[in-house]
Amino acid sequence: MVCVIWFTHMKTTIDIADPLFRQAKRLAARRNTTFKELVENALREELSKELSNASATAIRTHTFRGQGMQAGLSWDDWSSIRSLSYEGRGG
């Protein structure tokens, strides 16, 4: 027989400056929640921002005496963009 136990919570200890801790406890009380929930929600929000920033990589575009991307092209069509970039240059 195999027994698998999944832990859904982990206990940890963190050092928080006393004034920040007191401020967070008061905020949790005003929101009718616990300090733990307040911290978990703040961590979720920060992690979510980090993930969305990593997945939304911005492409910086530059034109030189032009009007932007050539008509009929799309940023999703890299093979066409590459072909046009190297056209006449042996690529």
PDB file of N, CA and C in Angstrom:
ATOM      1  N   MET A   1       0.835  -1.174   0.000  1.00  0.00           N
ATOM      2  CA  MET A   1       0.000   0.000   0.000  1.00  0.00           C
ATOM      3  C   MET A   1       0.884   1.243   0.000  1.00  0.00           C
ATOM      4  N   VAL A   2       0.530   2.228  -0.847  1.00  0.00           N
ATOM      5  CA  VAL A   2       1.269   3.476  -0.930  1.00  0.00           C
ATOM      6  C   VAL A   2       0.393   4.583  -0.374  1.00  0.00           C
ATOM      7  N   CYS A   3       0.960   5.373   0.499  1.00  0.00           N
ATOM      8  CA  CYS A   3       0.223   6.480   1.079  1.00  0.00           C
ATOM      9  C   CYS A   3       0.902   7.777   0.650  1.00  0.00           C
ATOM     10  N   VAL A   4       0.158   8.647   0.006  1.00  0.00           N
ATOM     11  CA  VAL A   4       0.698   9.933  -0.443  1.00  0.00           C
ATOM     12  C   VAL A   4      -0.010  11.042   0.313  1.00  0.00           C
ATOM     13  N   ILE A   5       0.787  11.913   0.900  1.00  0.00           N
ATOM     14  CA  ILE A   5       0.220  13.037   1.640  1.00  0.00           C
ATOM     15  C   ILE A   5       0.616  14.322   0.919  1.00  0.00           C
ATOM     16  N   TRP A   6      -0.363  15.133   0.573  1.00  0.00           N
ATOM     17  CA  TRP A   6      -0.101  16.422  -0.071  1.00  0.00           C
ATOM     18  C   TRP A   6      -0.245  17.525   0.965  1.00  0.00           C
ATOM     19  N   PHE A   7       0.777  18.326   1.085  1.00  0.00           N
ATOM     20  CA  PHE A   7       0.706  19.462   1.989  1.00  0.00           C
ATOM     21  C   PHE A   7       0.281  20.684   1.188  1.00  0.00           C
ATOM     22  N   THR A   8      -0.744  21.360   1.664  1.00  0.00           N
ATOM     23  CA  THR A   8      -1.229  22.528   0.943  1.00  0.00           C
ATOM     24  C   THR A   8      -0.779  23.832   1.605  1.00  0.00           C
ATOM     25  N   HIS A   9      -0.208  23.734   2.797  1.00  0.00           N
ATOM     26  CA  HIS A   9       0.253  24.930   3.490  1.00  0.00           C
ATOM     27  C   HIS A   9       1.622  24.671   4.092  1.00  0.00           C
ATOM     28  N   MET A  10       2.434  25.703   4.135  1.00  0.00           N
ATOM     29  CA  MET A  10       3.746  25.587   4.747  1.00  0.00           C
ATOM     30  C   MET A  10       3.886  26.714   5.758  1.00  0.00           C
ATOM     31  N   LYS A  11       4.400  26.391   6.907  1.00  0.00           N
ATOM     32  CA  LYS A  11       4.641  27.418   7.909  1.00  0.00           C
ATOM     33  C   LYS A  11       6.042  27.961   7.717  1.00  0.00           C
ATOM     34  N   THR A  12       6.158  29.261   7.892  1.00  0.00           N
ATOM     35  CA  THR A  12       7.468  29.890   7.777  1.00  0.00           C
ATOM     36  C   THR A  12       7.525  31.069   8.737  1.00  0.00           C
ATOM     37  N   THR A  13       8.703  31.559   8.967  1.00  0.00           N
ATOM     38  CA  THR A  13       8.897  32.716   9.829  1.00  0.00           C
ATOM     39  C   THR A  13       9.561  33.808   9.016  1.00  0.00           C
ATOM     40  N   ILE A  14       9.009  35.017   9.096  1.00  0.00           N
ATOM     41  CA  ILE A  14       9.622  36.149   8.415  1.00  0.00           C
ATOM     42  C   ILE A  14       9.769  37.288   9.416  1.00  0.00           C
ATOM     43  N   ASP A  15      10.795  38.097   9.225  1.00  0.00           N
ATOM     44  CA  ASP A  15      10.998  39.277  10.062  1.00  0.00           C
ATOM     45  C   ASP A  15      10.365  40.470   9.374  1.00  0.00           C
ATOM     46  N   ILE A  16       9.489  41.150  10.087  1.00  0.00           N
ATOM     47  CA  ILE A  16       8.821  42.341   9.574  1.00  0.00           C
ATOM     48  C   ILE A  16       9.048  43.455  10.589  1.00  0.00           C
ATOM     49  N   ALA A  17       9.386  44.625  10.102  1.00  0.00           N
ATOM     50  CA  ALA A  17       9.571  45.766  10.995  1.00  0.00           C
ATOM     51  C   ALA A  17       8.292  45.992  11.802  1.00  0.00           C
ATOM     52  N   ASP A  18       8.453  46.295  13.087  1.00  0.00           N
ATOM     53  CA  ASP A  18       7.300  46.458  13.984  1.00  0.00           C
ATOM     54  C   ASP A  18       6.264  47.458  13.468  1.00  0.00           C
ATOM     55  N   PRO A  19       6.673  48.644  13.016  1.00  0.00           N
ATOM     56  CA  PRO A  19       5.649  49.584  12.529  1.00  0.00           C
ATOM     57  C   PRO A  19       4.868  49.041  11.329  1.00  0.00           C
ATOM     58  N   LEU A  20       5.553  48.358  10.431  1.00  0.00           N
ATOM     59  CA  LEU A  20       4.880  47.776   9.263  1.00  0.00           C
ATOM     60  C   LEU A  20       3.919  46.676   9.692  1.00  0.00           C
ATOM     61  N   PHE A  21       4.348  45.855  10.650  1.00  0.00           N
ATOM     62  CA  PHE A  21       3.491  44.783  11.149  1.00  0.00           C
ATOM     63  C   PHE A  21       2.223  45.357  11.782  1.00  0.00           C
ATOM     64  N   ARG A  22       2.381  46.376  12.614  1.00  0.00           N
ATOM     65  CA  ARG A  22       1.211  46.981  13.276  1.00  0.00           C
ATOM     66  C   ARG A  22       0.261  47.590  12.242  1.00  0.00           C
ATOM     67  N   GLN A  23       0.831  48.256  11.243  1.00  0.00           N
ATOM     68  CA  GLN A  23       0.011  48.856  10.183  1.00  0.00           C
ATOM     69  C   GLN A  23      -0.755  47.777   9.418  1.00  0.00           C
ATOM     70  N   ALA A  24      -0.091  46.673   9.123  1.00  0.00           N
ATOM     71  CA  ALA A  24      -0.736  45.575   8.395  1.00  0.00           C
ATOM     72  C   ALA A  24      -1.827  44.920   9.246  1.00  0.00           C
ATOM     73  N   LYS A  25      -1.580  44.759  10.541  1.00  0.00           N
ATOM     74  CA  LYS A  25      -2.599  44.183  11.429  1.00  0.00           C
ATOM     75  C   LYS A  25      -3.836  45.076  11.479  1.00  0.00           C
ATOM     76  N   ARG A  26      -3.622  46.396  11.536  1.00  0.00           N
ATOM     77  CA  ARG A  26      -4.763  47.320  11.554  1.00  0.00           C
ATOM     78  C   ARG A  26      -5.540  47.245  10.240  1.00  0.00           C
ATOM     79  N   LEU A  27      -4.813  47.158   9.115  1.00  0.00           N
ATOM     80  CA  LEU A  27      -5.468  47.049   7.812  1.00  0.00           C
ATOM     81  C   LEU A  27      -6.287  45.762   7.741  1.00  0.00           C
ATOM     82  N   ALA A  28      -5.718  44.667   8.199  1.00  0.00           N
ATOM     83  CA  ALA A  28      -6.439  43.392   8.202  1.00  0.00           C
ATOM     84  C   ALA A  28      -7.716  43.499   9.041  1.00  0.00           C
ATOM     85  N   ALA A  29      -7.626  44.156  10.191  1.00  0.00           N
ATOM     86  CA  ALA A  29      -8.808  44.310  11.056  1.00  0.00           C
ATOM     87  C   ALA A  29      -9.879  45.153  10.365  1.00  0.00           C
ATOM     88  N   ARG A  30      -9.449  46.256   9.702  1.00  0.00           N
ATOM     89  CA  ARG A  30     -10.423  47.096   8.993  1.00  0.00           C
ATOM     90  C   ARG A  30     -11.103  46.338   7.865  1.00  0.00           C
ATOM     91  N   ARG A  31     -10.376  45.424   7.247  1.00  0.00           N
ATOM     92  CA  ARG A  31     -10.931  44.640   6.141  1.00  0.00           C
ATOM     93  C   ARG A  31     -11.638  43.373   6.632  1.00  0.00           C
ATOM     94  N   ASN A  32     -11.671  43.196   7.938  1.00  0.00           N
ATOM     95  CA  ASN A  32     -12.312  42.029   8.542  1.00  0.00           C
ATOM     96  C   ASN A  32     -11.697  40.726   8.020  1.00  0.00           C
ATOM     97  N   THR A  33     -10.375  40.695   7.988  1.00  0.00           N
ATOM     98  CA  THR A  33      -9.650  39.508   7.547  1.00  0.00           C
ATOM     99  C   THR A  33      -8.489  39.274   8.505  1.00  0.00           C
ATOM    100  N   THR A  34      -7.698  38.277   8.231  1.00  0.00           N
ATOM    101  CA  THR A  34      -6.559  37.973   9.089  1.00  0.00           C
ATOM    102  C   THR A  34      -5.278  38.524   8.475  1.00  0.00           C
ATOM    103  N   PHE A  35      -4.278  38.656   9.316  1.00  0.00           N
ATOM    104  CA  PHE A  35      -2.961  39.076   8.844  1.00  0.00           C
ATOM    105  C   PHE A  35      -2.449  38.085   7.799  1.00  0.00           C
ATOM    106  N   LYS A  36      -2.643  36.809   8.057  1.00  0.00           N
ATOM    107  CA  LYS A  36      -2.214  35.766   7.131  1.00  0.00           C
ATOM    108  C   LYS A  36      -2.841  35.964   5.751  1.00  0.00           C
ATOM    109  N   GLU A  37      -4.166  36.197   5.718  1.00  0.00           N
ATOM    110  CA  GLU A  37      -4.851  36.409   4.435  1.00  0.00           C
ATOM    111  C   GLU A  37      -4.338  37.657   3.734  1.00  0.00           C
ATOM    112  N   LEU A  38      -4.101  38.714   4.515  1.00  0.00           N
ATOM    113  CA  LEU A  38      -3.590  39.955   3.945  1.00  0.00           C
ATOM    114  C   LEU A  38      -2.234  39.716   3.271  1.00  0.00           C
ATOM    115  N   VAL A  39      -1.357  39.015   3.950  1.00  0.00           N
ATOM    116  CA  VAL A  39      -0.018  38.727   3.410  1.00  0.00           C
ATOM    117  C   VAL A  39      -0.118  37.809   2.196  1.00  0.00           C
ATOM    118  N   GLU A  40      -0.935  36.757   2.287  1.00  0.00           N
ATOM    119  CA  GLU A  40      -1.083  35.847   1.152  1.00  0.00           C
ATOM    120  C   GLU A  40      -1.631  36.565  -0.080  1.00  0.00           C
ATOM    121  N   ASN A  41      -2.629  37.429   0.122  1.00  0.00           N
ATOM    122  CA  ASN A  41      -3.190  38.175  -1.012  1.00  0.00           C
ATOM    123  C   ASN A  41      -2.162  39.118  -1.621  1.00  0.00           C
ATOM    124  N   ALA A  42      -1.382  39.779  -0.784  1.00  0.00           N
ATOM    125  CA  ALA A  42      -0.341  40.675  -1.290  1.00  0.00           C
ATOM    126  C   ALA A  42       0.703  39.892  -2.087  1.00  0.00           C
ATOM    127  N   LEU A  43       1.094  38.722  -1.598  1.00  0.00           N
ATOM    128  CA  LEU A  43       2.058  37.886  -2.327  1.00  0.00           C
ATOM    129  C   LEU A  43       1.479  37.406  -3.648  1.00  0.00           C
ATOM    130  N   ARG A  44       0.221  36.979  -3.635  1.00  0.00           N
ATOM    131  CA  ARG A  44      -0.420  36.541  -4.885  1.00  0.00           C
ATOM    132  C   ARG A  44      -0.429  37.666  -5.917  1.00  0.00           C
ATOM    133  N   GLU A  45      -0.764  38.871  -5.457  1.00  0.00           N
ATOM    134  CA  GLU A  45      -0.818  40.014  -6.367  1.00  0.00           C
ATOM    135  C   GLU A  45       0.555  40.319  -6.957  1.00  0.00           C
ATOM    136  N   GLU A  46       1.577  40.324  -6.125  1.00  0.00           N
ATOM    137  CA  GLU A  46       2.939  40.593  -6.615  1.00  0.00           C
ATOM    138  C   GLU A  46       3.409  39.508  -7.579  1.00  0.00           C
ATOM    139  N   LEU A  47       3.134  38.253  -7.254  1.00  0.00           N
ATOM    140  CA  LEU A  47       3.532  37.156  -8.137  1.00  0.00           C
ATOM    141  C   LEU A  47       2.774  37.212  -9.453  1.00  0.00           C
ATOM    142  N   SER A  48       1.510  37.575  -9.385  1.00  0.00           N
ATOM    143  CA  SER A  48       0.706  37.700 -10.600  1.00  0.00           C
ATOM    144  C   SER A  48       1.260  38.788 -11.506  1.00  0.00           C
ATOM    145  N   LYS A  49       1.634  39.929 -10.920  1.00  0.00           N
ATOM    146  CA  LYS A  49       2.230  41.025 -11.703  1.00  0.00           C
ATOM    147  C   LYS A  49       3.515  40.570 -12.366  1.00  0.00           C
ATOM    148  N   GLU A  50       4.330  39.851 -11.627  1.00  0.00           N
ATOM    149  CA  GLU A  50       5.612  39.371 -12.160  1.00  0.00           C
ATOM    150  C   GLU A  50       5.390  38.428 -13.329  1.00  0.00           C
ATOM    151  N   LEU A  51       4.434  37.513 -13.187  1.00  0.00           N
ATOM    152  CA  LEU A  51       4.152  36.571 -14.267  1.00  0.00           C
ATOM    153  C   LEU A  51       3.589  37.270 -15.488  1.00  0.00           C
ATOM    154  N   SER A  52       2.707  38.237 -15.281  1.00  0.00           N
ATOM    155  CA  SER A  52       2.129  38.924 -16.432  1.00  0.00           C
ATOM    156  C   SER A  52       3.173  39.794 -17.114  1.00  0.00           C
ATOM    157  N   ASN A  53       4.095  40.378 -16.359  1.00  0.00           N
ATOM    158  CA  ASN A  53       5.174  41.164 -16.968  1.00  0.00           C
ATOM    159  C   ASN A  53       6.113  40.279 -17.766  1.00  0.00           C
ATOM    160  N   ALA A  54       6.384  39.089 -17.259  1.00  0.00           N
ATOM    161  CA  ALA A  54       7.286  38.182 -17.969  1.00  0.00           C
ATOM    162  C   ALA A  54       6.652  37.660 -19.250  1.00  0.00           C
ATOM    163  N   SER A  55       5.337  37.437 -19.233  1.00  0.00           N
ATOM    164  CA  SER A  55       4.686  36.879 -20.416  1.00  0.00           C
ATOM    165  C   SER A  55       4.342  37.940 -21.452  1.00  0.00           C
ATOM    166  N   ALA A  56       4.288  39.194 -21.040  1.00  0.00           N
ATOM    167  CA  ALA A  56       3.940  40.265 -21.973  1.00  0.00           C
ATOM    168  C   ALA A  56       5.204  41.007 -22.403  1.00  0.00           C
ATOM    169  N   THR A  57       6.084  40.296 -23.066  1.00  0.00           N
ATOM    170  CA  THR A  57       7.319  40.900 -23.517  1.00  0.00           C
ATOM    171  C   THR A  57       7.011  41.872 -24.645  1.00  0.00           C
ATOM    172  N   ALA A  58       7.359  43.101 -24.429  1.00  0.00           N
ATOM    173  CA  ALA A  58       7.078  44.133 -25.426  1.00  0.00           C
ATOM    174  C   ALA A  58       8.139  44.107 -26.519  1.00  0.00           C
ATOM    175  N   ILE A  59       7.700  44.304 -27.733  1.00  0.00           N
ATOM    176  CA  ILE A  59       8.622  44.405 -28.863  1.00  0.00           C
ATOM    177  C   ILE A  59       8.793  45.880 -29.161  1.00  0.00           C
ATOM    178  N   ARG A  60      10.026  46.329 -29.088  1.00  0.00           N
ATOM    179  CA  ARG A  60      10.296  47.722 -29.420  1.00  0.00           C
ATOM    180  C   ARG A  60      10.499  47.813 -30.925  1.00  0.00           C
ATOM    181  N   THR A  61       9.757  48.670 -31.549  1.00  0.00           N
ATOM    182  CA  THR A  61       9.856  48.807 -33.000  1.00  0.00           C
ATOM    183  C   THR A  61      10.522  50.126 -33.358  1.00  0.00           C
ATOM    184  N   HIS A  62      11.240  50.101 -34.441  1.00  0.00           N
ATOM    185  CA  HIS A  62      11.913  51.295 -34.934  1.00  0.00           C
ATOM    186  C   HIS A  62      11.724  51.363 -36.439  1.00  0.00           C
ATOM    187  N   THR A  63      11.511  52.524 -36.919  1.00  0.00           N
ATOM    188  CA  THR A  63      11.461  52.708 -38.364  1.00  0.00           C
ATOM    189  C   THR A  63      12.494  53.766 -38.741  1.00  0.00           C
ATOM    190  N   PHE A  64      12.996  53.639 -39.912  1.00  0.00           N
ATOM    191  CA  PHE A  64      13.964  54.578 -40.432  1.00  0.00           C
ATOM    192  C   PHE A  64      13.411  55.142 -41.727  1.00  0.00           C
ATOM    193  N   ARG A  65      12.973  56.394 -41.662  1.00  0.00           N
ATOM    194  CA  ARG A  65      12.364  57.056 -42.814  1.00  0.00           C
ATOM    195  C   ARG A  65      11.209  56.234 -43.370  1.00  0.00           C
ATOM    196  N   GLY A  66      10.498  55.568 -42.490  1.00  0.00           N
ATOM    197  CA  GLY A  66       9.376  54.741 -42.936  1.00  0.00           C
ATOM    198  C   GLY A  66       8.115  55.052 -42.164  1.00  0.00           C
ATOM    199  N   GLN A  67       7.113  54.285 -42.432  1.00  0.00           N
ATOM    200  CA  GLN A  67       5.814  54.486 -41.797  1.00  0.00           C
ATOM    201  C   GLN A  67       5.419  53.286 -40.938  1.00  0.00           C
ATOM    202  N   GLY A  68       6.366  52.526 -40.449  1.00  0.00           N
ATOM    203  CA  GLY A  68       6.045  51.370 -39.622  1.00  0.00           C
ATOM    204  C   GLY A  68       6.134  50.088 -40.430  1.00  0.00           C
ATOM    205  N   MET A  69       5.417  49.075 -39.982  1.00  0.00           N
ATOM    206  CA  MET A  69       5.474  47.770 -40.635  1.00  0.00           C
ATOM    207  C   MET A  69       4.817  47.827 -42.015  1.00  0.00           C
ATOM    208  N   GLN A  70       5.432  47.125 -42.928  1.00  0.00           N
ATOM    209  CA  GLN A  70       4.934  47.061 -44.308  1.00  0.00           C
ATOM    210  C   GLN A  70       3.533  46.447 -44.326  1.00  0.00           C
ATOM    211  N   ALA A  71       2.684  46.991 -45.160  1.00  0.00           N
ATOM    212  CA  ALA A  71       1.315  46.477 -45.278  1.00  0.00           C
ATOM    213  C   ALA A  71       1.341  44.996 -45.619  1.00  0.00           C
ATOM    214  N   GLY A  72       0.465  44.233 -45.000  1.00  0.00           N
ATOM    215  CA  GLY A  72       0.368  42.808 -45.279  1.00  0.00           C
ATOM    216  C   GLY A  72       1.220  41.952 -44.363  1.00  0.00           C
ATOM    217  N   LEU A  73       2.087  42.570 -43.545  1.00  0.00           N
ATOM    218  CA  LEU A  73       2.921  41.804 -42.616  1.00  0.00           C
ATOM    219  C   LEU A  73       2.297  41.823 -41.228  1.00  0.00           C
ATOM    220  N   SER A  74       2.684  40.846 -40.424  1.00  0.00           N
ATOM    221  CA  SER A  74       2.200  40.739 -39.062  1.00  0.00           C
ATOM    222  C   SER A  74       3.369  40.347 -38.169  1.00  0.00           C
ATOM    223  N   TRP A  75       3.367  40.822 -36.914  1.00  0.00           N
ATOM    224  CA  TRP A  75       4.436  40.436 -35.979  1.00  0.00           C
ATOM    225  C   TRP A  75       4.426  38.929 -35.713  1.00  0.00           C
ATOM    226  N   ASP A  76       3.348  38.266 -36.029  1.00  0.00           N
ATOM    227  CA  ASP A  76       3.273  36.818 -35.824  1.00  0.00           C
ATOM    228  C   ASP A  76       3.880  36.028 -36.976  1.00  0.00           C
ATOM    229  N   ASP A  77       4.262  36.711 -38.060  1.00  0.00           N
ATOM    230  CA  ASP A  77       4.771  36.037 -39.255  1.00  0.00           C
ATOM    231  C   ASP A  77       6.272  36.308 -39.405  1.00  0.00           C
ATOM    232  N   TRP A  78       7.054  35.730 -38.488  1.00  0.00           N
ATOM    233  CA  TRP A  78       8.491  36.006 -38.471  1.00  0.00           C
ATOM    234  C   TRP A  78       9.223  35.472 -39.691  1.00  0.00           C
ATOM    235  N   SER A  79       8.764  34.401 -40.283  1.00  0.00           N
ATOM    236  CA  SER A  79       9.486  33.869 -41.453  1.00  0.00           C
ATOM    237  C   SER A  79       9.413  34.863 -42.616  1.00  0.00           C
ATOM    238  N   SER A  80       8.265  35.499 -42.824  1.00  0.00           N
ATOM    239  CA  SER A  80       8.146  36.510 -43.885  1.00  0.00           C
ATOM    240  C   SER A  80       8.984  37.737 -43.558  1.00  0.00           C
ATOM    241  N   ILE A  81       8.961  38.162 -42.308  1.00  0.00           N
ATOM    242  CA  ILE A  81       9.753  39.332 -41.905  1.00  0.00           C
ATOM    243  C   ILE A  81      11.237  39.056 -42.117  1.00  0.00           C
ATOM    244  N   ARG A  82      11.685  37.873 -41.715  1.00  0.00           N
ATOM    245  CA  ARG A  82      13.098  37.510 -41.893  1.00  0.00           C
ATOM    246  C   ARG A  82      13.451  37.467 -43.371  1.00  0.00           C
ATOM    247  N   SER A  83      12.615  36.852 -44.180  1.00  0.00           N
ATOM    248  CA  SER A  83      12.887  36.760 -45.616  1.00  0.00           C
ATOM    249  C   SER A  83      13.030  38.143 -46.232  1.00  0.00           C
ATOM    250  N   LEU A  84      12.141  39.050 -45.885  1.00  0.00           N
ATOM    251  CA  LEU A  84      12.214  40.411 -46.423  1.00  0.00           C
ATOM    252  C   LEU A  84      13.448  41.150 -45.898  1.00  0.00           C
ATOM    253  N   SER A  85      13.834  40.887 -44.657  1.00  0.00           N
ATOM    254  CA  SER A  85      14.988  41.555 -44.077  1.00  0.00           C
ATOM    255  C   SER A  85      16.278  41.185 -44.803  1.00  0.00           C
ATOM    256  N   TYR A  86      16.367  39.934 -45.226  1.00  0.00           N
ATOM    257  CA  TYR A  86      17.596  39.464 -45.862  1.00  0.00           C
ATOM    258  C   TYR A  86      17.485  39.434 -47.398  1.00  0.00           C
ATOM    259  N   GLU A  87      16.383  39.898 -47.921  1.00  0.00           N
ATOM    260  CA  GLU A  87      16.180  39.885 -49.373  1.00  0.00           C
ATOM    261  C   GLU A  87      17.311  40.637 -50.074  1.00  0.00           C
ATOM    262  N   GLY A  88      17.964  39.975 -51.022  1.00  0.00           N
ATOM    263  CA  GLY A  88      19.062  40.593 -51.755  1.00  0.00           C
ATOM    264  C   GLY A  88      20.378  40.589 -51.000  1.00  0.00           C
ATOM    265  N   ARG A  89      20.432  39.972 -49.848  1.00  0.00           N
ATOM    266  CA  ARG A  89      21.656  39.955 -49.023  1.00  0.00           C
ATOM    267  C   ARG A  89      22.182  38.536 -48.828  1.00  0.00           C
ATOM    268  N   GLY A  90      21.680  37.603 -49.576  1.00  0.00           N
ATOM    269  CA  GLY A  90      22.186  36.234 -49.506  1.00  0.00           C
ATOM    270  C   GLY A  90      21.624  35.411 -48.361  1.00  0.00           C
ATOM    271  N   GLY A  91      20.602  35.878 -47.691  1.00  0.00           N
ATOM    272  CA  GLY A  91      20.048  35.162 -46.527  1.00  0.00           C
ATOM    273  C   GLY A  91      18.900  34.347 -46.938  1.00  0.00           C
TER     274      GLY A  91
END
